[in-house]
Amino acid sequence: MTFEKLTQLGRRSSWARVAVIVWAVLLGLVCVRSVLQPDSHDCYKPFYEPAGRNWLGGEDLYQAKSATCRYSPLVNALFAPLALTPTPVGGVIWRAVNAFAFLGGLFWWLRAVAPPTWTRAHWAWMFLLVAPLSIPTINCAQANPLLAGLVLAGTAAAMRERWNWAAIFVAGACLLKIYPIALALLFIVVVPRRFTPRFVIALAAGLALPFLMQDPFWVAKQYANWWTSLCIDDRTQWPFETCYRDLWLLLRFYHWPVNYHGYVVIQLLIAAVAAAVCWASRWWAARPRVEVLNTAFGLAVCWMTVCGPSTEGGGYVLVAPTLAWAFLESWRLRSPLWVRGLLLASTVAFTVGVLACLVPRSSEWMAYGPHPLGGLFLLLAIGGESIHRIVAPATKIAAPARTIGYAIGGMYGSSPYKPRAQARGFDKTPRLRSGLVGRKAARR
């Protein structure tokens, strides 16, 4: 279906109503199931509820490796109010917090990047396409949808030049799980003066806040225990069925001749390439700030999942908005076949991963790595097109309007329309200028 046909269909039907109904029904079923089967597919009762009780009782927050909540002391403290409620009620509230954080972050992000040509149908399709990767995670009461909502909101706030909120949201994501520091570092590369001091202050405030909520000496001990628990939790040699769903799984399962130290080098190289792409896009090719911020977001969520230090299957909810957006826009703008091929391969891989969870002995199917394969294909599509937009002459990118530079466009800013943030005067950087003049304009 072409973009024009989808636009016409959106004018004739109420896809927005369909999306609302689908999400309402799915979330309702998730809440009912969590009440009727509180011990099945649940992370709240064995991990998060005890974390709140341990905080209230002044007990050790990190008592056993891989058997307690491994988040920062501040996150453990925030579970304390839920621990005071009955377990079914707390489980429903926790799932609702995750769902609304994810949907709210997605909505704000789309408002910052969606082109004016999008109808309600395209918005509805975005919310429908992210459902397969997000609903299972919400059902299991994992914190990944909340994490995704925080990084989406942080990116949207940065694109709107609301730097205080951007720093707070990204710092909150880092306090929830450490590896979103990758997104913060890429933002520092792109907007060092506006983002860096605010982020440092927000992160320091989040680390200091627990000292005001409990005995300071006890909190200091918990920070030491937290660090120790992170250092000793080594799952690099776990069985394929239960290990992390990342690039290391693919290297092990398909017998690539790379040891773990070599894998760490690969992780760092990919991170360095992502940082170089963001730096060159902003300061050498003079791409618009909105575009580069979303490039940083796309590369960061792909790195956090494919190369991150602790990626589970539910963590791939982080890439769901990026994949859905890139997939829709690539077909609207008829991107090159290799780009659409990579995005289609990514979609197929994630679909296989979702369907594998519905069959018996699903962990054996997960050993083939559908999630990291899907994330890797998406990373190649985003990174490859971003590099193409840096090295290709501006005229070649501007004339035919057929690259994913436009497609990862509203997302990555180089589309022929002006993003809403640009229309409000957010970024006045010339979009099709490069060289010394363009770089000077970008710095202003």
Protein backbone atom coordinates (compact mmCIF):
# COMPACT_ATOMS: atom_id res chain seq x y z
CA MET A 1 0.00 0.00 0.00
CA THR A 2 1.47 3.34 -1.03
CA PHE A 3 1.57 6.39 1.20
CA GLU A 4 -1.02 8.15 -0.98
CA LYS A 5 -3.46 5.25 -0.68
CA LEU A 6 -2.95 5.15 3.06
CA THR A 7 -3.64 8.88 3.21
CA GLN A 8 -6.88 8.44 1.26
CA LEU A 9 -7.83 5.51 3.47
CA GLY A 10 -7.16 7.62 6.55
CA ARG A 11 -9.63 10.22 5.28
CA ARG A 12 -12.35 7.61 4.79
CA SER A 13 -11.97 5.54 7.97
CA SER A 14 -11.30 6.03 11.64
CA TRP A 15 -7.98 4.30 12.18
CA ALA A 16 -7.40 6.41 15.28
CA ARG A 17 -10.47 4.86 16.87
CA VAL A 18 -9.22 1.41 15.93
CA ALA A 19 -5.84 2.08 17.58
CA VAL A 20 -7.49 3.36 20.76
CA ILE A 21 -9.78 0.33 20.94
CA VAL A 22 -6.94 -2.13 20.30
CA TRP A 23 -4.73 -0.61 22.98
CA ALA A 24 -7.60 -0.33 25.48
CA VAL A 25 -8.59 -3.97 24.97
CA LEU A 26 -5.02 -5.25 25.18
CA LEU A 27 -4.22 -3.25 28.31
CA GLY A 28 -7.48 -4.35 29.89
CA LEU A 29 -6.68 -8.00 29.19
CA VAL A 30 -3.18 -7.53 30.61
CA CYS A 31 -4.54 -6.06 33.85
CA VAL A 32 -7.18 -8.77 34.24
CA ARG A 33 -4.62 -11.51 33.61
CA SER A 34 -2.21 -9.99 36.15
CA VAL A 35 -4.95 -10.17 38.81
CA LEU A 36 -6.10 -13.69 37.97
CA GLN A 37 -2.58 -15.09 37.46
CA PRO A 38 -0.27 -13.01 39.67
CA ASP A 39 2.49 -15.66 39.63
CA SER A 40 2.65 -16.10 35.85
CA HIS A 41 4.73 -13.89 33.56
CA ASP A 42 5.29 -11.35 36.30
CA CYS A 43 8.30 -9.32 37.41
CA TYR A 44 6.48 -7.15 39.91
CA LYS A 45 5.86 -9.67 42.69
CA PRO A 46 9.33 -11.32 42.80
CA PHE A 47 11.44 -8.20 42.13
CA TYR A 48 9.82 -4.78 42.41
CA GLU A 49 7.49 -5.30 45.36
CA PRO A 50 10.31 -6.75 47.54
CA ALA A 51 12.49 -3.81 46.48
CA GLY A 52 9.98 -1.38 47.98
CA ARG A 53 9.62 -3.45 51.14
CA ASN A 54 13.37 -3.73 51.58
CA TRP A 55 13.69 0.05 51.26
CA LEU A 56 10.98 0.66 53.86
CA GLY A 57 12.49 -1.91 56.23
CA GLY A 58 16.06 -0.75 55.82
CA GLU A 59 17.15 -4.15 54.56
CA ASP A 60 19.81 -4.92 51.99
CA LEU A 61 18.46 -4.04 48.54
CA TYR A 62 20.82 -6.34 46.65
CA GLN A 63 20.71 -9.56 48.62
CA ALA A 64 21.34 -12.18 45.94
CA LYS A 65 22.76 -12.10 42.44
CA SER A 66 20.02 -11.94 39.78
CA ALA A 67 17.36 -12.43 42.48
CA THR A 68 16.61 -8.83 43.49
CA CYS A 69 15.85 -5.55 41.79
CA ARG A 70 19.15 -4.42 40.27
CA TYR A 71 18.22 -0.77 39.79
CA SER A 72 19.69 2.22 41.60
CA PRO A 73 18.67 2.97 45.21
CA LEU A 74 16.44 5.83 44.04
CA VAL A 75 14.39 3.45 41.87
CA ASN A 76 14.07 1.04 44.78
CA ALA A 77 12.79 3.91 46.92
CA LEU A 78 10.15 4.78 44.33
CA PHE A 79 8.74 1.25 44.64
CA ALA A 80 8.01 1.86 48.34
CA PRO A 81 4.48 3.31 47.82
CA LEU A 82 3.54 0.32 45.64
CA ALA A 83 4.79 -2.06 48.33
CA LEU A 84 2.17 -0.65 50.69
CA THR A 85 -0.66 -1.78 48.41
CA PRO A 86 -1.97 -5.34 47.92
CA THR A 87 0.08 -7.26 45.37
CA PRO A 88 -2.65 -7.40 42.65
CA VAL A 89 -3.31 -3.68 43.00
CA GLY A 90 0.38 -2.81 42.93
CA GLY A 91 0.90 -4.99 39.86
CA VAL A 92 -1.92 -3.26 37.98
CA ILE A 93 -0.66 0.21 38.97
CA TRP A 94 2.90 -0.65 37.92
CA ARG A 95 1.73 -1.92 34.52
CA ALA A 96 -0.41 1.19 34.05
CA VAL A 97 2.58 3.44 34.85
CA ASN A 98 4.65 1.63 32.23
CA ALA A 99 1.92 1.78 29.60
CA PHE A 100 1.13 5.47 30.04
CA ALA A 101 4.81 6.43 30.19
CA PHE A 102 5.50 4.61 26.93
CA LEU A 103 2.42 5.90 25.11
CA GLY A 104 2.91 9.42 26.43
CA GLY A 105 6.55 9.50 25.39
CA LEU A 106 5.67 8.12 21.96
CA PHE A 107 2.94 10.74 21.49
CA TRP A 108 5.25 13.61 22.44
CA TRP A 109 8.01 12.28 20.20
CA LEU A 110 5.62 11.99 17.25
CA ARG A 111 4.41 15.55 17.78
CA ALA A 112 8.00 16.72 17.42
CA VAL A 113 8.81 14.76 14.27
CA ALA A 114 5.59 13.91 12.41
CA PRO A 115 5.23 15.65 9.03
CA PRO A 116 2.16 17.80 8.37
CA THR A 117 1.15 15.40 5.57
CA TRP A 118 0.47 12.67 8.11
CA THR A 119 -3.19 12.00 8.80
CA ARG A 120 -4.71 10.35 11.84
CA ALA A 121 -4.32 7.06 10.01
CA HIS A 122 -0.55 7.34 10.02
CA TRP A 123 -0.50 8.19 13.71
CA ALA A 124 -2.78 5.24 14.36
CA TRP A 125 -0.54 2.91 12.39
CA MET A 126 2.43 4.02 14.47
CA PHE A 127 0.65 3.07 17.68
CA LEU A 128 -0.52 -0.22 16.17
CA LEU A 129 2.91 -1.17 14.85
CA VAL A 130 4.64 -0.68 18.19
CA ALA A 131 2.11 -2.87 20.01
CA PRO A 132 3.63 -6.31 19.23
CA LEU A 133 6.96 -5.42 20.87
CA SER A 134 5.50 -3.41 23.76
CA ILE A 135 2.44 -5.34 24.96
CA PRO A 136 4.38 -8.52 25.98
CA THR A 137 6.78 -6.38 28.02
CA ILE A 138 3.92 -4.57 29.76
CA ASN A 139 2.26 -7.91 30.38
CA CYS A 140 5.37 -9.19 32.19
CA ALA A 141 5.53 -6.00 34.28
CA GLN A 142 9.05 -5.20 33.16
CA ALA A 143 10.42 -1.65 33.41
CA ASN A 144 11.42 -1.44 29.74
CA PRO A 145 8.29 0.46 28.57
CA LEU A 146 8.97 3.07 31.26
CA LEU A 147 12.57 3.29 30.07
CA ALA A 148 11.40 3.69 26.47
CA GLY A 149 9.00 6.44 27.50
CA LEU A 150 11.79 8.32 29.28
CA VAL A 151 14.20 8.25 26.33
CA LEU A 152 11.40 9.18 23.90
CA ALA A 153 10.38 12.10 26.11
CA GLY A 154 14.01 13.17 26.53
CA THR A 155 14.52 13.19 22.76
CA ALA A 156 11.28 15.08 22.14
CA ALA A 157 12.19 17.66 24.80
CA ALA A 158 15.62 18.16 23.23
CA MET A 159 14.08 18.70 19.82
CA ARG A 160 11.74 21.30 21.37
CA GLU A 161 14.73 22.96 23.07
CA ARG A 162 13.36 22.17 26.51
CA TRP A 163 16.79 21.30 27.81
CA ASN A 164 15.93 21.04 31.50
CA TRP A 165 13.26 18.44 30.80
CA ALA A 166 15.52 16.65 28.33
CA ALA A 167 18.23 16.34 30.99
CA ILE A 168 15.74 15.17 33.63
CA PHE A 169 14.21 12.49 31.42
CA VAL A 170 17.54 11.14 30.17
CA ALA A 171 19.03 11.20 33.68
CA GLY A 172 15.95 9.34 34.93
CA ALA A 173 16.51 6.69 32.27
CA CYS A 174 20.15 6.34 33.36
CA LEU A 175 19.10 5.93 36.99
CA LEU A 176 16.61 3.25 35.98
CA LYS A 177 19.10 1.32 33.85
CA ILE A 178 22.67 2.45 33.41
CA TYR A 179 23.12 1.88 29.69
CA PRO A 180 20.95 4.85 28.52
CA ILE A 181 24.12 6.80 29.24
CA ALA A 182 24.80 5.98 25.58
CA LEU A 183 22.01 8.35 24.54
CA ALA A 184 23.29 11.02 26.93
CA LEU A 185 26.80 10.80 25.49
CA LEU A 186 25.51 11.18 21.93
CA PHE A 187 23.46 14.20 22.99
CA ILE A 188 26.62 15.64 24.54
CA VAL A 189 28.36 15.22 21.18
CA VAL A 190 25.53 17.02 19.38
CA VAL A 191 24.65 19.80 21.85
CA PRO A 192 27.49 19.91 24.39
CA ARG A 193 26.90 23.33 25.93
CA ARG A 194 23.13 23.15 26.31
CA PHE A 195 22.74 19.55 27.45
CA THR A 196 25.89 18.59 29.35
CA PRO A 197 25.67 20.81 32.48
CA ARG A 198 21.95 20.19 32.90
CA PHE A 199 22.40 16.43 32.55
CA VAL A 200 25.25 16.33 35.08
CA ILE A 201 23.18 18.31 37.59
CA ALA A 202 20.08 16.12 37.06
CA LEU A 203 22.08 12.91 37.39
CA ALA A 204 23.85 14.14 40.53
CA ALA A 205 20.52 15.17 42.05
CA GLY A 206 19.06 11.74 41.33
CA LEU A 207 22.04 10.01 42.94
CA ALA A 208 21.89 12.28 46.01
CA LEU A 209 18.13 12.15 46.58
CA PRO A 210 18.11 8.73 48.34
CA PHE A 211 20.32 10.19 51.09
CA LEU A 212 17.39 12.44 52.03
CA MET A 213 14.95 9.51 52.11
CA GLN A 214 16.79 7.05 54.36
CA ASP A 215 19.73 6.81 56.74
CA PRO A 216 22.73 8.24 54.79
CA PHE A 217 25.17 5.58 55.99
CA TRP A 218 22.78 2.81 55.00
CA VAL A 219 22.25 4.43 51.58
CA ALA A 220 26.00 4.68 51.02
CA LYS A 221 26.32 0.98 51.79
CA GLN A 222 23.54 0.22 49.30
CA TYR A 223 25.38 2.09 46.56
CA ALA A 224 28.43 -0.08 47.25
CA ASN A 225 26.29 -3.22 47.19
CA TRP A 226 24.64 -2.07 43.97
CA TRP A 227 27.98 -1.68 42.26
CA THR A 228 29.12 -5.08 43.53
CA SER A 229 25.95 -6.78 42.30
CA LEU A 230 26.42 -5.29 38.83
CA CYS A 231 30.04 -6.43 38.67
CA ILE A 232 29.40 -10.04 39.70
CA ASP A 233 26.31 -10.57 37.53
CA ASP A 234 28.06 -12.26 34.60
CA ARG A 235 25.76 -13.97 32.09
CA THR A 236 28.17 -14.12 29.17
CA GLN A 237 28.38 -17.92 29.27
CA TRP A 238 24.80 -18.71 30.23
CA PRO A 239 22.91 -21.23 28.06
CA PHE A 240 21.53 -19.83 24.82
CA GLU A 241 17.95 -20.21 26.04
CA THR A 242 18.44 -17.90 29.04
CA CYS A 243 21.31 -15.56 28.15
CA TYR A 244 21.00 -11.95 27.02
CA ARG A 245 19.52 -11.33 23.56
CA ASP A 246 22.36 -9.33 22.06
CA LEU A 247 25.12 -9.53 19.48
CA TRP A 248 27.18 -11.78 21.77
CA LEU A 249 24.42 -14.40 21.50
CA LEU A 250 24.68 -14.33 17.70
CA LEU A 251 28.46 -14.63 17.79
CA ARG A 252 28.28 -17.61 20.14
CA PHE A 253 25.35 -19.41 18.54
CA TYR A 254 26.61 -19.12 14.97
CA HIS A 255 30.20 -19.95 15.99
CA TRP A 256 31.94 -16.77 14.94
CA PRO A 257 35.64 -16.91 15.91
CA VAL A 258 35.41 -14.02 18.39
CA ASN A 259 36.07 -14.29 22.12
CA TYR A 260 34.43 -12.05 24.69
CA HIS A 261 37.29 -9.55 24.74
CA GLY A 262 36.94 -9.23 20.98
CA TYR A 263 33.22 -8.67 21.43
CA VAL A 264 33.91 -5.82 23.86
CA VAL A 265 36.12 -4.25 21.20
CA ILE A 266 33.26 -4.58 18.70
CA GLN A 267 30.90 -2.90 21.18
CA LEU A 268 33.25 0.02 21.62
CA LEU A 269 33.90 0.35 17.88
CA ILE A 270 30.19 0.50 17.08
CA ALA A 271 29.74 3.11 19.82
CA ALA A 272 32.64 5.14 18.42
CA VAL A 273 31.19 4.98 14.90
CA ALA A 274 27.80 6.15 16.21
CA ALA A 275 29.44 9.09 17.98
CA ALA A 276 31.47 9.93 14.85
CA VAL A 277 28.32 9.85 12.70
CA CYS A 278 26.52 12.22 15.07
CA TRP A 279 29.52 14.57 15.27
CA ALA A 280 30.02 14.63 11.50
CA SER A 281 26.31 15.13 10.85
CA ARG A 282 26.14 18.11 13.17
CA TRP A 283 29.52 19.82 12.91
CA TRP A 284 30.87 18.80 9.49
CA ALA A 285 27.88 18.28 7.21
CA ALA A 286 25.80 20.93 9.04
CA ARG A 287 22.68 18.80 9.22
CA PRO A 288 19.75 20.31 11.15
CA ARG A 289 19.83 19.79 14.89
CA VAL A 290 16.43 18.06 14.89
CA GLU A 291 17.70 15.54 12.39
CA VAL A 292 20.92 14.87 14.28
CA LEU A 293 19.16 14.48 17.63
CA ASN A 294 16.92 11.83 16.15
CA THR A 295 19.85 10.18 14.46
CA ALA A 296 21.46 10.02 17.89
CA PHE A 297 18.26 8.57 19.33
CA GLY A 298 17.98 5.89 16.66
CA LEU A 299 21.63 4.87 16.92
CA ALA A 300 21.52 4.90 20.72
CA VAL A 301 18.49 2.63 21.10
CA CYS A 302 19.94 0.21 18.55
CA TRP A 303 23.27 0.12 20.38
CA MET A 304 21.58 -0.27 23.77
CA THR A 305 19.72 -3.34 22.55
CA VAL A 306 22.10 -5.01 20.09
CA CYS A 307 25.35 -4.18 21.92
CA GLY A 308 24.10 -3.22 25.37
CA PRO A 309 25.41 -4.85 28.54
CA SER A 310 22.14 -6.45 29.68
CA THR A 311 19.59 -6.79 26.88
CA GLU A 312 16.64 -9.11 27.38
CA GLY A 313 13.94 -9.81 24.83
CA GLY A 314 11.62 -7.24 26.40
CA GLY A 315 14.27 -4.56 26.02
CA TYR A 316 13.63 -4.36 22.29
CA VAL A 317 10.59 -2.23 22.99
CA LEU A 318 13.17 0.57 22.82
CA VAL A 319 13.55 0.16 19.05
CA ALA A 320 9.85 -0.28 18.30
CA PRO A 321 9.13 3.44 17.61
CA THR A 322 12.23 3.80 15.43
CA LEU A 323 11.44 0.70 13.41
CA ALA A 324 7.76 1.60 12.92
CA TRP A 325 8.59 5.14 11.85
CA ALA A 326 11.38 4.17 9.48
CA PHE A 327 9.27 1.42 7.94
CA LEU A 328 6.30 3.72 7.23
CA GLU A 329 8.41 6.58 5.92
CA SER A 330 10.63 4.39 3.74
CA TRP A 331 7.59 3.21 1.77
CA ARG A 332 6.08 6.68 1.64
CA LEU A 333 9.23 8.16 0.12
CA ARG A 334 10.30 5.05 -1.83
CA SER A 335 13.71 4.74 -0.29
CA PRO A 336 16.46 2.68 -1.95
CA LEU A 337 15.83 -1.04 -2.13
CA TRP A 338 18.70 -1.89 0.20
CA VAL A 339 17.22 0.33 2.90
CA ARG A 340 13.73 -1.07 2.53
CA GLY A 341 15.21 -4.56 2.41
CA LEU A 342 17.02 -4.07 5.72
CA LEU A 343 13.91 -2.60 7.35
CA LEU A 344 11.77 -5.45 6.02
CA ALA A 345 14.29 -8.00 7.29
CA SER A 346 14.25 -6.29 10.68
CA THR A 347 10.45 -6.39 10.77
CA VAL A 348 10.38 -10.07 9.83
CA ALA A 349 12.98 -10.93 12.48
CA PHE A 350 11.06 -9.16 15.23
CA THR A 351 7.82 -10.76 14.06
CA VAL A 352 9.43 -14.18 14.36
CA GLY A 353 10.63 -13.26 17.85
CA VAL A 354 7.14 -12.21 18.93
CA LEU A 355 5.49 -15.30 17.46
CA ALA A 356 8.11 -17.58 19.02
CA CYS A 357 6.92 -16.46 22.45
CA LEU A 358 3.50 -17.94 21.70
CA VAL A 359 4.65 -21.50 21.02
CA PRO A 360 5.83 -24.22 23.43
CA ARG A 361 9.55 -24.29 24.26
CA SER A 362 9.88 -20.71 23.06
CA SER A 363 13.29 -20.29 24.71
CA GLU A 364 14.78 -22.75 22.23
CA TRP A 365 13.56 -20.62 19.33
CA MET A 366 14.94 -17.51 20.99
CA ALA A 367 18.40 -19.07 20.90
CA TYR A 368 18.48 -18.38 17.14
CA GLY A 369 18.56 -14.67 17.98
CA PRO A 370 15.58 -13.12 16.14
CA HIS A 371 15.64 -10.02 18.36
CA PRO A 372 19.34 -9.16 17.98
CA LEU A 373 19.12 -9.95 14.26
CA GLY A 374 16.24 -7.52 13.89
CA GLY A 375 18.07 -4.86 15.87
CA LEU A 376 21.23 -5.39 13.81
CA PHE A 377 19.35 -4.95 10.52
CA LEU A 378 17.78 -1.76 11.84
CA LEU A 379 21.16 -0.46 13.02
CA LEU A 380 22.64 -1.07 9.58
CA ALA A 381 19.74 0.75 7.88
CA ILE A 382 19.99 3.82 10.12
CA GLY A 383 23.77 3.95 10.26
CA GLY A 384 24.23 3.30 6.55
CA GLU A 385 21.82 6.00 5.45
CA SER A 386 23.19 8.47 8.00
CA ILE A 387 26.70 7.98 6.62
CA HIS A 388 25.35 8.34 3.08
CA ARG A 389 23.83 11.71 3.95
CA ILE A 390 27.15 12.89 5.35
CA VAL A 391 29.38 11.90 2.43
CA ALA A 392 26.97 12.37 -0.49
CA PRO A 393 26.72 15.81 -2.12
CA ALA A 394 23.75 17.78 -0.86
CA THR A 395 22.31 18.15 -4.34
CA LYS A 396 22.08 14.40 -4.79
CA ILE A 397 20.20 14.05 -1.55
CA ALA A 398 17.92 17.00 -2.20
CA ALA A 399 16.91 16.44 -5.79
CA PRO A 400 15.10 13.10 -6.04
CA ALA A 401 13.78 12.95 -2.48
CA ARG A 402 14.07 9.20 -2.54
CA THR A 403 16.48 8.32 0.27
CA ILE A 404 15.71 7.36 3.82
CA GLY A 405 17.43 10.58 4.72
CA TYR A 406 13.95 11.79 4.05
CA ALA A 407 12.37 8.62 5.36
CA ILE A 408 14.26 8.42 8.57
CA GLY A 409 13.49 12.07 7.80
CA GLY A 410 10.64 13.40 9.91
CA MET A 411 12.59 11.26 12.19
CA TYR A 412 15.95 12.28 10.90
CA GLY A 413 14.93 15.66 9.70
CA SER A 414 15.93 15.82 6.05
CA SER A 415 12.50 15.53 4.54
CA PRO A 416 11.18 18.20 2.16
CA TYR A 417 8.68 19.35 4.75
CA LYS A 418 9.64 21.30 7.87
CA PRO A 419 9.24 19.42 11.15
CA ARG A 420 6.89 21.12 13.55
CA ALA A 421 9.75 22.16 15.78
CA GLN A 422 11.40 23.84 12.80
CA ALA A 423 8.15 25.53 11.85
CA ARG A 424 8.11 27.05 15.33
CA GLY A 425 11.56 28.50 14.75
CA PHE A 426 13.47 25.78 16.58
CA ASP A 427 16.21 25.18 14.06
CA LYS A 428 17.05 27.64 11.34
CA THR A 429 20.07 25.71 10.05
CA PRO A 430 20.06 25.47 6.22
CA ARG A 431 19.22 21.87 5.39
CA LEU A 432 21.04 21.60 2.07
CA ARG A 433 24.29 23.43 2.78
CA SER A 434 27.57 21.77 3.56
CA GLY A 435 31.21 22.73 3.84
CA LEU A 436 32.63 25.68 5.77
CA VAL A 437 29.63 27.98 5.32
CA GLY A 438 27.21 25.28 6.44
CA ARG A 439 29.32 24.42 9.46
CA LYS A 440 29.46 28.06 10.53
CA ALA A 441 25.70 28.33 10.17
CA ALA A 442 25.20 25.17 12.19
CA ARG A 443 27.25 26.55 15.08
CA ARG A 444 25.24 29.73 15.37
